Protein backbone atom coordinates (compact mmCIF):
# COMPACT_ATOMS: atom_id res chain seq x y z
CA UNK A 1 -56.77 -106.03 -121.12
CA UNK A 2 -58.97 -108.85 -122.50
CA UNK A 3 -59.09 -106.93 -125.86
CA UNK A 4 -55.43 -106.83 -125.86
CA UNK A 5 -55.12 -110.49 -125.03
CA UNK A 6 -57.48 -111.34 -127.87
CA UNK A 7 -55.61 -109.02 -130.36
CA UNK A 8 -52.31 -110.67 -129.44
CA UNK A 9 -53.81 -114.10 -129.80
CA UNK A 10 -55.23 -113.08 -133.16
CA UNK A 11 -51.68 -111.76 -134.24
CA UNK A 12 -50.19 -115.05 -133.29
CA UNK A 13 -52.75 -116.96 -135.37
CA UNK A 14 -51.95 -114.89 -138.31
CA UNK A 15 -48.25 -115.44 -138.04
CA UNK A 16 -48.92 -119.10 -137.58
CA UNK A 17 -51.21 -119.26 -140.67
CA UNK A 18 -48.63 -117.21 -142.59
CA UNK A 19 -45.87 -119.63 -141.53
CA UNK A 20 -48.06 -122.80 -142.55
CA UNK A 21 -48.67 -121.16 -145.92
CA UNK A 22 -44.97 -120.56 -146.40
CA UNK A 23 -44.21 -124.07 -145.29
CA UNK A 24 -46.58 -125.56 -147.89
CA UNK A 25 -43.92 -124.65 -150.64
CA UNK A 26 -41.47 -127.39 -150.83
CA UNK A 27 -37.85 -126.59 -151.69
CA UNK A 28 -36.30 -129.12 -154.35
CA UNK A 29 -32.57 -128.79 -153.66
CA UNK A 30 -30.11 -130.14 -156.38
CA UNK A 31 -28.64 -133.42 -155.46
CA UNK A 32 -31.42 -134.99 -153.43
CA UNK A 33 -33.20 -138.16 -154.79
CA UNK A 34 -36.43 -137.19 -156.43
CA UNK A 35 -39.62 -138.88 -155.32
CA UNK A 36 -40.80 -139.98 -158.81
CA UNK A 37 -37.64 -140.25 -160.76
CA UNK A 38 -38.85 -143.74 -161.83
CA UNK A 39 -41.36 -142.03 -163.97
CA UNK A 40 -38.55 -140.59 -166.11
CA UNK A 41 -38.33 -143.60 -168.25
CA UNK A 42 -36.61 -144.03 -171.57
CA UNK A 43 -39.17 -142.87 -174.28
CA UNK A 44 -39.46 -140.36 -177.26
CA UNK A 45 -42.08 -137.54 -177.08
CA UNK A 46 -43.06 -135.23 -179.90
CA UNK A 47 -44.70 -131.85 -179.39
CA UNK A 48 -46.41 -129.57 -181.82
CA UNK A 49 -45.64 -125.89 -180.93
CA UNK A 50 -47.90 -123.21 -182.16
CA UNK A 51 -49.13 -119.74 -181.52
CA UNK A 52 -52.81 -118.95 -181.41
CA UNK A 53 -54.52 -115.61 -181.70
CA UNK A 54 -58.28 -115.87 -181.43
CA UNK A 55 -59.20 -118.73 -183.91
CA UNK A 56 -56.03 -118.39 -185.91
CA UNK A 57 -53.27 -120.91 -185.43
CA UNK A 58 -49.64 -120.37 -186.59
CA UNK A 59 -47.53 -123.65 -186.43
CA UNK A 60 -43.87 -122.86 -185.22
CA UNK A 61 -42.07 -126.23 -185.12
CA UNK A 62 -42.18 -129.98 -184.08
CA UNK A 63 -40.28 -130.59 -180.84
CA UNK A 64 -38.82 -134.14 -180.23
CA UNK A 65 -37.61 -134.95 -176.71
CA UNK A 66 -35.91 -138.09 -176.14
CA UNK A 67 -35.18 -139.72 -172.73
CA UNK A 68 -32.29 -142.09 -172.62
CA UNK A 69 -30.46 -143.88 -169.73
CA UNK A 70 -27.11 -144.83 -170.95
CA UNK A 71 -23.37 -144.61 -170.04
CA UNK A 72 -21.35 -141.47 -170.44
CA UNK A 73 -17.90 -141.19 -171.94
CA UNK A 74 -16.47 -142.56 -168.63
CA UNK A 75 -18.91 -145.57 -168.70
CA UNK A 76 -21.03 -144.14 -165.97
CA UNK A 77 -24.86 -144.65 -166.34
CA UNK A 78 -26.45 -141.26 -166.64
CA UNK A 79 -29.81 -139.69 -167.66
CA UNK A 80 -29.38 -138.22 -171.09
CA UNK A 81 -31.87 -136.01 -172.83
CA UNK A 82 -31.67 -135.32 -176.55
CA UNK A 83 -34.01 -132.58 -177.94
CA UNK A 84 -34.53 -131.83 -181.71
CA UNK A 85 -36.56 -128.77 -182.94
CA UNK A 86 -37.61 -128.96 -186.66
CA UNK A 87 -38.60 -125.37 -187.68
CA UNK A 88 -41.60 -124.61 -189.61
CA UNK A 89 -39.07 -122.68 -191.91
CA UNK A 90 -37.28 -125.26 -193.92
CA UNK A 91 -33.63 -125.53 -192.89
CA UNK A 92 -34.10 -124.24 -189.30
CA UNK A 93 -33.15 -126.85 -186.77
CA UNK A 94 -32.09 -126.78 -182.94
CA UNK A 95 -30.66 -129.69 -181.05
CA UNK A 96 -30.08 -129.79 -177.23
CA UNK A 97 -28.00 -132.59 -175.69
CA UNK A 98 -28.00 -132.68 -171.83
CA UNK A 99 -26.47 -135.12 -169.25
CA UNK A 100 -27.80 -135.64 -165.54
CA UNK A 101 -27.12 -137.77 -162.54
CA UNK A 102 -29.55 -140.63 -162.26
CA UNK A 103 -32.16 -140.20 -159.63
CA UNK A 104 -31.65 -136.64 -158.78
CA UNK A 105 -31.59 -134.75 -162.17
CA UNK A 106 -28.48 -132.89 -161.19
CA UNK A 107 -27.37 -131.30 -164.35
CA UNK A 108 -23.78 -131.94 -165.78
CA UNK A 109 -23.52 -130.57 -169.23
CA UNK A 110 -25.72 -128.98 -171.72
CA UNK A 111 -24.86 -128.36 -175.54
CA UNK A 112 -27.06 -126.33 -177.87
CA UNK A 113 -26.62 -126.40 -181.75
CA UNK A 114 -28.80 -124.07 -183.67
CA UNK A 115 -28.68 -124.10 -187.46
CA UNK A 116 -30.34 -121.21 -189.39
CA UNK A 117 -31.72 -121.00 -192.88
CA UNK A 118 -28.29 -119.88 -194.11
CA UNK A 119 -26.91 -123.26 -192.96
CA UNK A 120 -24.63 -121.75 -190.29
CA UNK A 121 -24.52 -123.59 -187.00
CA UNK A 122 -24.04 -121.85 -183.66
CA UNK A 123 -22.62 -124.12 -180.96
CA UNK A 124 -23.09 -123.28 -177.27
CA UNK A 125 -21.77 -125.55 -174.46
CA UNK A 126 -22.27 -125.27 -170.80
CA UNK A 127 -20.88 -127.00 -167.59
CA UNK A 128 -23.09 -126.88 -164.49
CA UNK A 129 -20.92 -126.49 -161.41
CA UNK A 130 -22.14 -126.27 -157.79
CA UNK A 131 -21.76 -122.57 -157.60
CA UNK A 132 -21.82 -121.51 -161.07
CA UNK A 133 -22.35 -122.37 -164.76
CA UNK A 134 -19.39 -121.98 -167.09
CA UNK A 135 -18.61 -122.63 -170.79
CA UNK A 136 -17.58 -126.08 -171.73
CA UNK A 137 -13.90 -125.38 -172.29
CA UNK A 138 -13.09 -128.62 -174.37
CA UNK A 139 -15.99 -128.09 -176.87
CA UNK A 140 -14.69 -127.19 -180.30
CA UNK A 141 -16.41 -124.04 -181.77
CA UNK A 142 -18.05 -123.19 -178.58
CA UNK A 143 -19.37 -119.67 -178.72
CA UNK A 144 -19.99 -119.62 -175.05
CA UNK A 145 -16.47 -120.78 -173.96
CA UNK A 146 -16.11 -117.80 -171.78
CA UNK A 147 -19.56 -118.03 -170.17
CA UNK A 148 -19.37 -117.76 -166.36
CA UNK A 149 -22.44 -117.14 -164.33
CA UNK A 150 -22.48 -117.37 -160.63
CA UNK A 151 -25.38 -119.23 -158.81
CA UNK A 152 -25.95 -118.67 -154.95
CA UNK A 153 -26.88 -122.45 -154.86
CA UNK A 154 -26.83 -125.31 -157.18
CA UNK A 155 -29.31 -125.09 -160.05
CA UNK A 156 -31.34 -127.33 -162.31
CA UNK A 157 -31.33 -126.99 -166.13
CA UNK A 158 -34.33 -124.95 -167.25
CA UNK A 159 -34.31 -126.45 -170.77
CA UNK A 160 -35.39 -129.84 -169.36
CA UNK A 161 -38.03 -128.63 -167.15
CA UNK A 162 -40.83 -130.92 -168.64
CA UNK A 163 -39.03 -133.97 -167.93
CA UNK A 164 -38.04 -132.65 -164.45
CA UNK A 165 -41.78 -132.02 -163.53
CA UNK A 166 -42.33 -135.76 -164.15
CA UNK A 167 -40.03 -136.70 -161.24
CA UNK A 168 -41.89 -134.60 -158.68
CA UNK A 169 -44.57 -136.06 -156.13
CA UNK A 170 -47.41 -134.28 -157.80
CA UNK A 171 -50.54 -134.26 -155.63
CA UNK A 172 -53.38 -132.11 -154.61
CA UNK A 173 -52.05 -129.01 -153.19
CA UNK A 174 -48.47 -129.59 -153.87
CA UNK A 175 -46.10 -126.64 -154.48
CA UNK A 176 -42.40 -127.02 -155.35
CA UNK A 177 -39.92 -124.27 -155.37
CA UNK A 178 -37.09 -125.11 -157.87
CA UNK A 179 -33.89 -123.16 -158.73
CA UNK A 180 -33.58 -123.16 -162.54
CA UNK A 181 -30.89 -121.66 -164.98
CA UNK A 182 -31.51 -121.40 -168.67
CA UNK A 183 -27.82 -121.60 -169.92
CA UNK A 184 -27.08 -118.34 -171.81
CA UNK A 185 -30.13 -116.72 -170.40
CA UNK A 186 -30.80 -114.82 -167.29
CA UNK A 187 -29.41 -115.47 -163.74
CA UNK A 188 -30.49 -118.56 -161.96
CA UNK A 189 -33.75 -117.89 -159.87
CA UNK A 190 -36.09 -119.90 -157.69
CA UNK A 191 -39.50 -120.52 -159.35
CA UNK A 192 -42.70 -121.91 -157.77
CA UNK A 193 -44.67 -124.67 -159.64
CA UNK A 194 -48.09 -125.41 -158.04
CA UNK A 195 -50.50 -128.23 -158.58
CA UNK A 196 -53.80 -126.21 -158.79
CA UNK A 197 -56.30 -129.19 -159.68
CA UNK A 198 -57.00 -131.92 -161.93
CA UNK A 199 -58.60 -131.99 -165.47
CA UNK A 200 -59.51 -134.80 -167.99
CA UNK A 201 -58.12 -133.95 -171.52
CA UNK A 202 -60.07 -135.46 -174.40
CA UNK A 203 -58.35 -135.86 -177.80
CA UNK A 204 -60.17 -135.31 -181.01
CA UNK A 205 -60.38 -139.17 -181.38
CA UNK A 206 -62.08 -139.33 -177.95
CA UNK A 207 -59.14 -140.55 -176.02
CA UNK A 208 -59.02 -139.32 -172.40
CA UNK A 209 -56.19 -138.52 -169.98
CA UNK A 210 -56.64 -137.64 -166.34
CA UNK A 211 -54.25 -134.88 -165.63
CA UNK A 212 -52.56 -132.90 -162.91
CA UNK A 213 -52.84 -129.27 -163.72
CA UNK A 214 -49.60 -127.37 -162.75
CA UNK A 215 -49.08 -123.63 -163.05
CA UNK A 216 -46.15 -121.19 -162.67
CA UNK A 217 -45.84 -117.46 -163.16
CA UNK A 218 -42.09 -117.62 -163.79
CA UNK A 219 -41.65 -114.80 -161.22
CA UNK A 220 -43.83 -112.47 -163.53
CA UNK A 221 -46.82 -112.02 -161.35
CA UNK A 222 -48.15 -109.30 -163.61
CA UNK A 223 -48.42 -111.81 -166.48
CA UNK A 224 -51.11 -114.81 -166.64
CA UNK A 225 -49.46 -117.86 -165.47
CA UNK A 226 -48.18 -120.65 -167.70
CA UNK A 227 -50.12 -124.15 -167.29
CA UNK A 228 -49.03 -127.72 -167.73
CA UNK A 229 -51.15 -130.65 -167.96
CA UNK A 230 -49.19 -133.79 -166.88
CA UNK A 231 -50.89 -137.39 -167.15
CA UNK A 232 -51.44 -138.72 -163.40
CA UNK A 233 -50.12 -142.15 -164.33
CA UNK A 234 -46.93 -141.28 -166.24
CA UNK A 235 -46.67 -137.74 -165.25
CA UNK A 236 -45.73 -137.04 -169.01
CA UNK A 237 -46.53 -133.42 -170.05
CA UNK A 238 -49.65 -133.61 -172.42
CA UNK A 239 -50.14 -130.00 -172.92
CA UNK A 240 -48.65 -126.67 -172.10
CA UNK A 241 -50.07 -123.14 -172.62
CA UNK A 242 -48.33 -119.77 -172.10
CA UNK A 243 -50.40 -116.63 -172.45
CA UNK A 244 -48.47 -113.61 -173.91
CA UNK A 245 -48.93 -110.03 -172.87
CA UNK A 246 -50.41 -109.24 -176.34
CA UNK A 247 -53.25 -111.56 -175.80
CA UNK A 248 -51.78 -114.38 -177.83
CA UNK A 249 -51.30 -117.91 -176.55
CA UNK A 250 -48.24 -120.10 -177.13
CA UNK A 251 -49.18 -123.85 -176.98
CA UNK A 252 -47.18 -127.18 -176.86
CA UNK A 253 -49.20 -130.31 -177.37
CA UNK A 254 -48.08 -133.97 -177.44
CA UNK A 255 -48.68 -135.71 -180.65
CA UNK A 256 -50.40 -138.88 -179.82
């Protein structure tokens, strides 16, 4: 009987521990005020994006991400993020234009324009709704006008994840579960981002930045995780690395 009691008690402890581990992941629902939204300040950040195989580095593009806080067409103050990708191949340019609710990062619209070497521009526009993401009906030339993807719950815009991470209460042991959707990509899904530690990054000029180290496996546990380094004071992403299955490494690094 004593053995059974101890076994039952052990089972309860295991369940409690499992529950505590599960509770450690903090869901971040769309529409709630974000703890550190004040970190998302008007600024322009430029990143060099490159692929590395061993000691060989191949530059891909320079990625400019501009944070604005300004009125929309209706005169309501919103968060406005504009991204501009200048490709390593001359003439290849991509721009992203995204609007959000202040304080919560709830997405409204997202427009993507991609110009290839042939000079042809592809236009894609999306409207984030509470239960789905649809094509922007009033955007002229929208190749995604018929887009309609259901979402079991409201979703954040995956193409502005770097700014979104700035607004989270990053701290030792913090884990966030975030529902993201890449407009025009796969279905919305929850992703877990974990603060796994701290690290001081040192630039080639000797400058130092104390960073939170955040990882996610993008729901691909068979792959090595993607890692973000965010400055502890501003929570701006300083560096991002994504290992590929072929052994190469995709890197984004802030030009500073």
